[in-house]
Amino acid sequence: MASVMEEYRELRRQLEYLRWTSLGHESQEEDDLLDRMDRVWERLTADEIVLLESDPPIIAPIHPVGRVRELVDVDVQADDQPPRVLKEVA
């Protein structure tokens, strides 16, 4: 049987994957998973909590899709010029 800490880590991996695949949109599946995580968290010891809180994130945070245009070079978006291709930039 897996330890409580291993069970929590697995639930956290599932949550991060779910959030990654749904682009951060909330869902009933996410709510259910968070409820399960809360129940497991209550069974952790203080030492296990300290260890879990020091764990690095499993996947890097993602930017919302709407932010992509803000991150693009301004001159690429100019109305009077076509977008640049890689060989023109390099």
PDB file of N, CA and C in Angstrom:
ATOM      1  N   MET A   1       0.843  -1.184   0.000  1.00  0.00           N
ATOM      2  CA  MET A   1       0.000   0.000   0.000  1.00  0.00           C
ATOM      3  C   MET A   1       0.885   1.244   0.000  1.00  0.00           C
ATOM      4  N   ALA A   2       0.522   2.224  -0.790  1.00  0.00           N
ATOM      5  CA  ALA A   2       1.309   3.453  -0.902  1.00  0.00           C
ATOM      6  C   ALA A   2       1.165   4.285   0.367  1.00  0.00           C
ATOM      7  N   SER A   3       2.216   5.019   0.677  1.00  0.00           N
ATOM      8  CA  SER A   3       2.148   5.908   1.832  1.00  0.00           C
ATOM      9  C   SER A   3       1.218   7.074   1.523  1.00  0.00           C
ATOM     10  N   VAL A   4       0.799   7.761   2.566  1.00  0.00           N
ATOM     11  CA  VAL A   4      -0.093   8.903   2.400  1.00  0.00           C
ATOM     12  C   VAL A   4       0.591   9.981   1.569  1.00  0.00           C
ATOM     13  N   MET A   5       1.888  10.175   1.797  1.00  0.00           N
ATOM     14  CA  MET A   5       2.631  11.185   1.048  1.00  0.00           C
ATOM     15  C   MET A   5       2.695  10.813  -0.442  1.00  0.00           C
ATOM     16  N   GLU A   6       2.942   9.554  -0.760  1.00  0.00           N
ATOM     17  CA  GLU A   6       2.965   9.115  -2.160  1.00  0.00           C
ATOM     18  C   GLU A   6       1.591   9.273  -2.803  1.00  0.00           C
ATOM     19  N   GLU A   7       0.548   8.985  -2.029  1.00  0.00           N
ATOM     20  CA  GLU A   7      -0.811   9.137  -2.546  1.00  0.00           C
ATOM     21  C   GLU A   7      -1.089  10.610  -2.872  1.00  0.00           C
ATOM     22  N   TYR A   8      -0.656  11.509  -1.987  1.00  0.00           N
ATOM     23  CA  TYR A   8      -0.874  12.937  -2.229  1.00  0.00           C
ATOM     24  C   TYR A   8      -0.097  13.411  -3.464  1.00  0.00           C
ATOM     25  N   ARG A   9       1.154  12.961  -3.590  1.00  0.00           N
ATOM     26  CA  ARG A   9       1.959  13.344  -4.754  1.00  0.00           C
ATOM     27  C   ARG A   9       1.312  12.873  -6.056  1.00  0.00           C
ATOM     28  N   GLU A  10       0.759  11.673  -6.047  1.00  0.00           N
ATOM     29  CA  GLU A  10       0.086  11.158  -7.242  1.00  0.00           C
ATOM     30  C   GLU A  10      -1.145  11.996  -7.574  1.00  0.00           C
ATOM     31  N   LEU A  11      -1.921  12.365  -6.570  1.00  0.00           N
ATOM     32  CA  LEU A  11      -3.086  13.223  -6.800  1.00  0.00           C
ATOM     33  C   LEU A  11      -2.657  14.585  -7.338  1.00  0.00           C
ATOM     34  N   ARG A  12      -1.558  15.098  -6.817  1.00  0.00           N
ATOM     35  CA  ARG A  12      -1.057  16.390  -7.294  1.00  0.00           C
ATOM     36  C   ARG A  12      -0.607  16.293  -8.750  1.00  0.00           C
ATOM     37  N   ARG A  13       0.029  15.192  -9.115  1.00  0.00           N
ATOM     38  CA  ARG A  13       0.409  14.983 -10.527  1.00  0.00           C
ATOM     39  C   ARG A  13      -0.835  14.953 -11.409  1.00  0.00           C
ATOM     40  N   GLN A  14      -1.861  14.258 -10.945  1.00  0.00           N
ATOM     41  CA  GLN A  14      -3.106  14.201 -11.711  1.00  0.00           C
ATOM     42  C   GLN A  14      -3.724  15.590 -11.858  1.00  0.00           C
ATOM     43  N   LEU A  15      -3.690  16.380 -10.785  1.00  0.00           N
ATOM     44  CA  LEU A  15      -4.254  17.730 -10.831  1.00  0.00           C
ATOM     45  C   LEU A  15      -3.478  18.615 -11.796  1.00  0.00           C
ATOM     46  N   GLU A  16      -2.173  18.577 -11.736  1.00  0.00           N
ATOM     47  CA  GLU A  16      -1.378  19.400 -12.643  1.00  0.00           C
ATOM     48  C   GLU A  16      -1.587  18.983 -14.092  1.00  0.00           C
ATOM     49  N   TYR A  17      -1.694  17.685 -14.341  1.00  0.00           N
ATOM     50  CA  TYR A  17      -1.956  17.227 -15.712  1.00  0.00           C
ATOM     51  C   TYR A  17      -3.337  17.691 -16.168  1.00  0.00           C
ATOM     52  N   LEU A  18      -4.325  17.562 -15.294  1.00  0.00           N
ATOM     53  CA  LEU A  18      -5.688  17.987 -15.637  1.00  0.00           C
ATOM     54  C   LEU A  18      -5.722  19.480 -15.944  1.00  0.00           C
ATOM     55  N   ARG A  19      -5.048  20.274 -15.126  1.00  0.00           N
ATOM     56  CA  ARG A  19      -5.019  21.717 -15.363  1.00  0.00           C
ATOM     57  C   ARG A  19      -4.280  22.042 -16.653  1.00  0.00           C
ATOM     58  N   TRP A  20      -3.222  21.306 -16.945  1.00  0.00           N
ATOM     59  CA  TRP A  20      -2.460  21.548 -18.172  1.00  0.00           C
ATOM     60  C   TRP A  20      -3.300  21.220 -19.399  1.00  0.00           C
ATOM     61  N   THR A  21      -3.992  20.082 -19.359  1.00  0.00           N
ATOM     62  CA  THR A  21      -4.773  19.680 -20.526  1.00  0.00           C
ATOM     63  C   THR A  21      -6.023  20.526 -20.725  1.00  0.00           C
ATOM     64  N   SER A  22      -6.540  21.121 -19.654  1.00  0.00           N
ATOM     65  CA  SER A  22      -7.751  21.942 -19.775  1.00  0.00           C
ATOM     66  C   SER A  22      -7.420  23.423 -19.860  1.00  0.00           C
ATOM     67  N   LEU A  23      -6.135  23.743 -20.025  1.00  0.00           N
ATOM     68  CA  LEU A  23      -5.668  25.130 -20.141  1.00  0.00           C
ATOM     69  C   LEU A  23      -6.132  26.001 -18.981  1.00  0.00           C
ATOM     70  N   GLY A  24      -6.220  25.400 -17.787  1.00  0.00           N
ATOM     71  CA  GLY A  24      -6.556  26.161 -16.599  1.00  0.00           C
ATOM     72  C   GLY A  24      -8.041  26.383 -16.366  1.00  0.00           C
ATOM     73  N   HIS A  25      -8.898  25.872 -17.263  1.00  0.00           N
ATOM     74  CA  HIS A  25     -10.341  26.027 -17.061  1.00  0.00           C
ATOM     75  C   HIS A  25     -10.801  25.077 -15.956  1.00  0.00           C
ATOM     76  N   GLU A  26     -11.640  25.583 -15.062  1.00  0.00           N
ATOM     77  CA  GLU A  26     -12.133  24.761 -13.965  1.00  0.00           C
ATOM     78  C   GLU A  26     -13.152  23.747 -14.467  1.00  0.00           C
ATOM     79  N   SER A  27     -13.251  22.624 -13.734  1.00  0.00           N
ATOM     80  CA  SER A  27     -14.194  21.581 -14.113  1.00  0.00           C
ATOM     81  C   SER A  27     -14.638  20.828 -12.867  1.00  0.00           C
ATOM     82  N   GLN A  28     -15.682  20.052 -13.013  1.00  0.00           N
ATOM     83  CA  GLN A  28     -16.148  19.225 -11.902  1.00  0.00           C
ATOM     84  C   GLN A  28     -15.094  18.182 -11.549  1.00  0.00           C
ATOM     85  N   GLU A  29     -14.396  17.691 -12.560  1.00  0.00           N
ATOM     86  CA  GLU A  29     -13.328  16.710 -12.325  1.00  0.00           C
ATOM     87  C   GLU A  29     -12.241  17.311 -11.440  1.00  0.00           C
ATOM     88  N   GLU A  30     -11.888  18.567 -11.697  1.00  0.00           N
ATOM     89  CA  GLU A  30     -10.885  19.242 -10.874  1.00  0.00           C
ATOM     90  C   GLU A  30     -11.393  19.410  -9.445  1.00  0.00           C
ATOM     91  N   ASP A  31     -12.645  19.809  -9.286  1.00  0.00           N
ATOM     92  CA  ASP A  31     -13.218  19.969  -7.947  1.00  0.00           C
ATOM     93  C   ASP A  31     -13.189  18.655  -7.172  1.00  0.00           C
ATOM     94  N   ASP A  32     -13.552  17.568  -7.834  1.00  0.00           N
ATOM     95  CA  ASP A  32     -13.534  16.255  -7.188  1.00  0.00           C
ATOM     96  C   ASP A  32     -12.118  15.869  -6.763  1.00  0.00           C
ATOM     97  N   LEU A  33     -11.173  16.126  -7.635  1.00  0.00           N
ATOM     98  CA  LEU A  33      -9.783  15.805  -7.333  1.00  0.00           C
ATOM     99  C   LEU A  33      -9.277  16.643  -6.156  1.00  0.00           C
ATOM    100  N   LEU A  34      -9.622  17.914  -6.117  1.00  0.00           N
ATOM    101  CA  LEU A  34      -9.229  18.777  -5.001  1.00  0.00           C
ATOM    102  C   LEU A  34      -9.844  18.292  -3.685  1.00  0.00           C
ATOM    103  N   ASP A  35     -11.074  17.818  -3.724  1.00  0.00           N
ATOM    104  CA  ASP A  35     -11.706  17.262  -2.520  1.00  0.00           C
ATOM    105  C   ASP A  35     -10.947  16.037  -2.030  1.00  0.00           C
ATOM    106  N   ARG A  36     -10.554  15.167  -2.962  1.00  0.00           N
ATOM    107  CA  ARG A  36      -9.760  13.987  -2.581  1.00  0.00           C
ATOM    108  C   ARG A  36      -8.430  14.400  -1.992  1.00  0.00           C
ATOM    109  N   MET A  37      -7.809  15.421  -2.584  1.00  0.00           N
ATOM    110  CA  MET A  37      -6.519  15.897  -2.075  1.00  0.00           C
ATOM    111  C   MET A  37      -6.670  16.443  -0.657  1.00  0.00           C
ATOM    112  N   ASP A  38      -7.759  17.146  -0.386  1.00  0.00           N
ATOM    113  CA  ASP A  38      -8.007  17.670   0.966  1.00  0.00           C
ATOM    114  C   ASP A  38      -8.109  16.541   1.983  1.00  0.00           C
ATOM    115  N   ARG A  39      -8.820  15.482   1.615  1.00  0.00           N
ATOM    116  CA  ARG A  39      -8.972  14.352   2.543  1.00  0.00           C
ATOM    117  C   ARG A  39      -7.631  13.675   2.822  1.00  0.00           C
ATOM    118  N   VAL A  40      -6.796  13.546   1.792  1.00  0.00           N
ATOM    119  CA  VAL A  40      -5.477  12.927   1.981  1.00  0.00           C
ATOM    120  C   VAL A  40      -4.576  13.871   2.795  1.00  0.00           C
ATOM    121  N   TRP A  41      -4.652  15.171   2.520  1.00  0.00           N
ATOM    122  CA  TRP A  41      -3.825  16.164   3.231  1.00  0.00           C
ATOM    123  C   TRP A  41      -4.051  16.084   4.745  1.00  0.00           C
ATOM    124  N   GLU A  42      -5.295  15.873   5.139  1.00  0.00           N
ATOM    125  CA  GLU A  42      -5.631  15.787   6.562  1.00  0.00           C
ATOM    126  C   GLU A  42      -4.964  14.599   7.247  1.00  0.00           C
ATOM    127  N   ARG A  43      -4.569  13.594   6.481  1.00  0.00           N
ATOM    128  CA  ARG A  43      -3.922  12.400   7.042  1.00  0.00           C
ATOM    129  C   ARG A  43      -2.400  12.522   7.094  1.00  0.00           C
ATOM    130  N   LEU A  44      -1.839  13.592   6.541  1.00  0.00           N
ATOM    131  CA  LEU A  44      -0.392  13.770   6.526  1.00  0.00           C
ATOM    132  C   LEU A  44       0.129  14.222   7.894  1.00  0.00           C
ATOM    133  N   THR A  45       1.362  13.832   8.187  1.00  0.00           N
ATOM    134  CA  THR A  45       2.014  14.326   9.397  1.00  0.00           C
ATOM    135  C   THR A  45       2.624  15.695   9.099  1.00  0.00           C
ATOM    136  N   ALA A  46       3.006  16.418  10.146  1.00  0.00           N
ATOM    137  CA  ALA A  46       3.621  17.737   9.972  1.00  0.00           C
ATOM    138  C   ALA A  46       4.921  17.631   9.173  1.00  0.00           C
ATOM    139  N   ASP A  47       5.707  16.591   9.414  1.00  0.00           N
ATOM    140  CA  ASP A  47       6.968  16.408   8.676  1.00  0.00           C
ATOM    141  C   ASP A  47       6.708  16.142   7.190  1.00  0.00           C
ATOM    142  N   GLU A  48       5.679  15.355   6.887  1.00  0.00           N
ATOM    143  CA  GLU A  48       5.344  15.076   5.489  1.00  0.00           C
ATOM    144  C   GLU A  48       4.886  16.346   4.775  1.00  0.00           C
ATOM    145  N   ILE A  49       4.146  17.184   5.479  1.00  0.00           N
ATOM    146  CA  ILE A  49       3.684  18.438   4.888  1.00  0.00           C
ATOM    147  C   ILE A  49       4.866  19.335   4.537  1.00  0.00           C
ATOM    148  N   VAL A  50       5.847  19.406   5.436  1.00  0.00           N
ATOM    149  CA  VAL A  50       7.041  20.207   5.158  1.00  0.00           C
ATOM    150  C   VAL A  50       7.752  19.686   3.918  1.00  0.00           C
ATOM    151  N   LEU A  51       7.889  18.376   3.806  1.00  0.00           N
ATOM    152  CA  LEU A  51       8.535  17.785   2.627  1.00  0.00           C
ATOM    153  C   LEU A  51       7.754  18.084   1.350  1.00  0.00           C
ATOM    154  N   LEU A  52       6.445  17.935   1.400  1.00  0.00           N
ATOM    155  CA  LEU A  52       5.617  18.183   0.217  1.00  0.00           C
ATOM    156  C   LEU A  52       5.670  19.648  -0.209  1.00  0.00           C
ATOM    157  N   GLU A  53       5.684  20.544   0.750  1.00  0.00           N
ATOM    158  CA  GLU A  53       5.712  21.964   0.415  1.00  0.00           C
ATOM    159  C   GLU A  53       7.044  22.385  -0.198  1.00  0.00           C
ATOM    160  N   SER A  54       8.083  21.596   0.011  1.00  0.00           N
ATOM    161  CA  SER A  54       9.381  21.915  -0.583  1.00  0.00           C
ATOM    162  C   SER A  54       9.558  21.284  -1.961  1.00  0.00           C
ATOM    163  N   ASP A  55       8.625  20.438  -2.381  1.00  0.00           N
ATOM    164  CA  ASP A  55       8.690  19.818  -3.714  1.00  0.00           C
ATOM    165  C   ASP A  55       8.563  20.891  -4.800  1.00  0.00           C
ATOM    166  N   PRO A  56       9.353  20.784  -5.855  1.00  0.00           N
ATOM    167  CA  PRO A  56       9.196  21.723  -6.976  1.00  0.00           C
ATOM    168  C   PRO A  56       7.932  21.400  -7.763  1.00  0.00           C
ATOM    169  N   PRO A  57       7.423  22.364  -8.544  1.00  0.00           N
ATOM    170  CA  PRO A  57       6.254  22.061  -9.384  1.00  0.00           C
ATOM    171  C   PRO A  57       6.602  20.973 -10.395  1.00  0.00           C
ATOM    172  N   ILE A  58       5.607  20.200 -10.754  1.00  0.00           N
ATOM    173  CA  ILE A  58       5.821  19.104 -11.697  1.00  0.00           C
ATOM    174  C   ILE A  58       5.951  19.628 -13.116  1.00  0.00           C
ATOM    175  N   ILE A  59       5.087  20.558 -13.487  1.00  0.00           N
ATOM    176  CA  ILE A  59       5.165  21.169 -14.810  1.00  0.00           C
ATOM    177  C   ILE A  59       5.198  22.672 -14.641  1.00  0.00           C
ATOM    178  N   ALA A  60       5.811  23.347 -15.585  1.00  0.00           N
ATOM    179  CA  ALA A  60       5.908  24.801 -15.521  1.00  0.00           C
ATOM    180  C   ALA A  60       4.535  25.425 -15.701  1.00  0.00           C
ATOM    181  N   PRO A  61       4.299  26.547 -15.032  1.00  0.00           N
ATOM    182  CA  PRO A  61       3.019  27.227 -15.231  1.00  0.00           C
ATOM    183  C   PRO A  61       2.844  27.630 -16.693  1.00  0.00           C
ATOM    184  N   ILE A  62       1.621  27.616 -17.164  1.00  0.00           N
ATOM    185  CA  ILE A  62       1.347  27.998 -18.550  1.00  0.00           C
ATOM    186  C   ILE A  62       0.741  29.386 -18.588  1.00  0.00           C
ATOM    187  N   HIS A  63       0.976  30.068 -19.682  1.00  0.00           N
ATOM    188  CA  HIS A  63       0.365  31.375 -19.885  1.00  0.00           C
ATOM    189  C   HIS A  63      -0.999  31.180 -20.514  1.00  0.00           C
ATOM    190  N   PRO A  64      -1.983  31.959 -20.081  1.00  0.00           N
ATOM    191  CA  PRO A  64      -3.283  31.870 -20.745  1.00  0.00           C
ATOM    192  C   PRO A  64      -3.124  32.166 -22.236  1.00  0.00           C
ATOM    193  N   VAL A  65      -3.920  31.540 -23.050  1.00  0.00           N
ATOM    194  CA  VAL A  65      -3.817  31.683 -24.499  1.00  0.00           C
ATOM    195  C   VAL A  65      -3.921  33.145 -24.921  1.00  0.00           C
ATOM    196  N   GLY A  66      -4.745  33.921 -24.279  1.00  0.00           N
ATOM    197  CA  GLY A  66      -4.907  35.325 -24.635  1.00  0.00           C
ATOM    198  C   GLY A  66      -3.652  36.153 -24.472  1.00  0.00           C
ATOM    199  N   ARG A  67      -2.721  35.698 -23.661  1.00  0.00           N
ATOM    200  CA  ARG A  67      -1.484  36.440 -23.445  1.00  0.00           C
ATOM    201  C   ARG A  67      -0.481  36.255 -24.567  1.00  0.00           C
ATOM    202  N   VAL A  68      -0.668  35.299 -25.432  1.00  0.00           N
ATOM    203  CA  VAL A  68       0.314  35.002 -26.474  1.00  0.00           C
ATOM    204  C   VAL A  68       0.573  36.229 -27.333  1.00  0.00           C
ATOM    205  N   ARG A  69      -0.474  36.928 -27.730  1.00  0.00           N
ATOM    206  CA  ARG A  69      -0.294  38.101 -28.594  1.00  0.00           C
ATOM    207  C   ARG A  69       0.521  39.175 -27.892  1.00  0.00           C
ATOM    208  N   GLU A  70       0.398  39.306 -26.577  1.00  0.00           N
ATOM    209  CA  GLU A  70       1.169  40.301 -25.839  1.00  0.00           C
ATOM    210  C   GLU A  70       2.665  39.966 -25.851  1.00  0.00           C
ATOM    211  N   LEU A  71       2.986  38.690 -25.959  1.00  0.00           N
ATOM    212  CA  LEU A  71       4.369  38.254 -25.882  1.00  0.00           C
ATOM    213  C   LEU A  71       5.083  38.281 -27.233  1.00  0.00           C
ATOM    214  N   VAL A  72       4.355  38.526 -28.306  1.00  0.00           N
ATOM    215  CA  VAL A  72       4.927  38.540 -29.647  1.00  0.00           C
ATOM    216  C   VAL A  72       5.563  39.901 -29.909  1.00  0.00           C
ATOM    217  N   ASP A  73       6.633  39.922 -30.680  1.00  0.00           N
ATOM    218  CA  ASP A  73       7.287  41.163 -31.079  1.00  0.00           C
ATOM    219  C   ASP A  73       6.271  42.126 -31.681  1.00  0.00           C
ATOM    220  N   VAL A  74       6.318  43.376 -31.309  1.00  0.00           N
ATOM    221  CA  VAL A  74       5.339  44.355 -31.785  1.00  0.00           C
ATOM    222  C   VAL A  74       5.400  44.513 -33.301  1.00  0.00           C
ATOM    223  N   ASP A  75       6.609  44.565 -33.873  1.00  0.00           N
ATOM    224  CA  ASP A  75       6.699  44.794 -35.314  1.00  0.00           C
ATOM    225  C   ASP A  75       6.178  43.615 -36.132  1.00  0.00           C
ATOM    226  N   VAL A  76       6.066  42.436 -35.531  1.00  0.00           N
ATOM    227  CA  VAL A  76       5.499  41.293 -36.236  1.00  0.00           C
ATOM    228  C   VAL A  76       4.004  41.515 -36.447  1.00  0.00           C
ATOM    229  N   GLN A  77       3.378  42.257 -35.538  1.00  0.00           N
ATOM    230  CA  GLN A  77       1.947  42.483 -35.624  1.00  0.00           C
ATOM    231  C   GLN A  77       1.583  43.732 -36.429  1.00  0.00           C
ATOM    232  N   ALA A  78       2.559  44.452 -36.946  1.00  0.00           N
ATOM    233  CA  ALA A  78       2.275  45.682 -37.683  1.00  0.00           C
ATOM    234  C   ALA A  78       1.357  45.388 -38.865  1.00  0.00           C
ATOM    235  N   ASP A  79       0.355  46.251 -39.050  1.00  0.00           N
ATOM    236  CA  ASP A  79      -0.641  46.037 -40.101  1.00  0.00           C
ATOM    237  C   ASP A  79      -0.062  46.172 -41.506  1.00  0.00           C
ATOM    238  N   ASP A  80       0.948  47.022 -41.675  1.00  0.00           N
ATOM    239  CA  ASP A  80       1.454  47.278 -43.016  1.00  0.00           C
ATOM    240  C   ASP A  80       2.583  46.331 -43.436  1.00  0.00           C
ATOM    241  N   GLN A  81       2.965  45.389 -42.582  1.00  0.00           N
ATOM    242  CA  GLN A  81       4.035  44.457 -42.905  1.00  0.00           C
ATOM    243  C   GLN A  81       3.539  43.022 -42.700  1.00  0.00           C
ATOM    244  N   PRO A  82       3.949  42.113 -43.565  1.00  0.00           N
ATOM    245  CA  PRO A  82       3.597  40.711 -43.326  1.00  0.00           C
ATOM    246  C   PRO A  82       4.428  40.179 -42.149  1.00  0.00           C
ATOM    247  N   PRO A  83       3.955  39.148 -41.472  1.00  0.00           N
ATOM    248  CA  PRO A  83       4.749  38.567 -40.392  1.00  0.00           C
ATOM    249  C   PRO A  83       6.098  38.084 -40.881  1.00  0.00           C
ATOM    250  N   ARG A  84       7.111  38.227 -40.042  1.00  0.00           N
ATOM    251  CA  ARG A  84       8.447  37.755 -40.407  1.00  0.00           C
ATOM    252  C   ARG A  84       8.516  36.254 -40.315  1.00  0.00           C
ATOM    253  N   VAL A  85       9.402  35.665 -41.101  1.00  0.00           N
ATOM    254  CA  VAL A  85       9.677  34.232 -40.997  1.00  0.00           C
ATOM    255  C   VAL A  85      11.029  34.077 -40.335  1.00  0.00           C
ATOM    256  N   LEU A  86      11.315  32.902 -39.858  1.00  0.00           N
ATOM    257  CA  LEU A  86      12.500  32.672 -39.067  1.00  0.00           C
ATOM    258  C   LEU A  86      13.778  33.091 -39.774  1.00  0.00           C
ATOM    259  N   LYS A  87      13.924  32.810 -41.068  1.00  0.00           N
ATOM    260  CA  LYS A  87      15.173  33.147 -41.765  1.00  0.00           C
ATOM    261  C   LYS A  87      15.383  34.661 -41.844  1.00  0.00           C
ATOM    262  N   GLU A  88      14.301  35.456 -41.815  1.00  0.00           N
ATOM    263  CA  GLU A  88      14.437  36.907 -41.830  1.00  0.00           C
ATOM    264  C   GLU A  88      14.898  37.435 -40.478  1.00  0.00           C
ATOM    265  N   VAL A  89      14.573  36.747 -39.423  1.00  0.00           N
ATOM    266  CA  VAL A  89      14.919  37.193 -38.079  1.00  0.00           C
ATOM    267  C   VAL A  89      16.358  36.810 -37.757  1.00  0.00           C
ATOM    268  N   ALA A  90      16.796  35.647 -38.193  1.00  0.00           N
ATOM    269  CA  ALA A  90      18.107  35.130 -37.829  1.00  0.00           C
ATOM    270  C   ALA A  90      19.245  35.827 -38.495  1.00  0.00           C
TER     271      ALA A  90
END
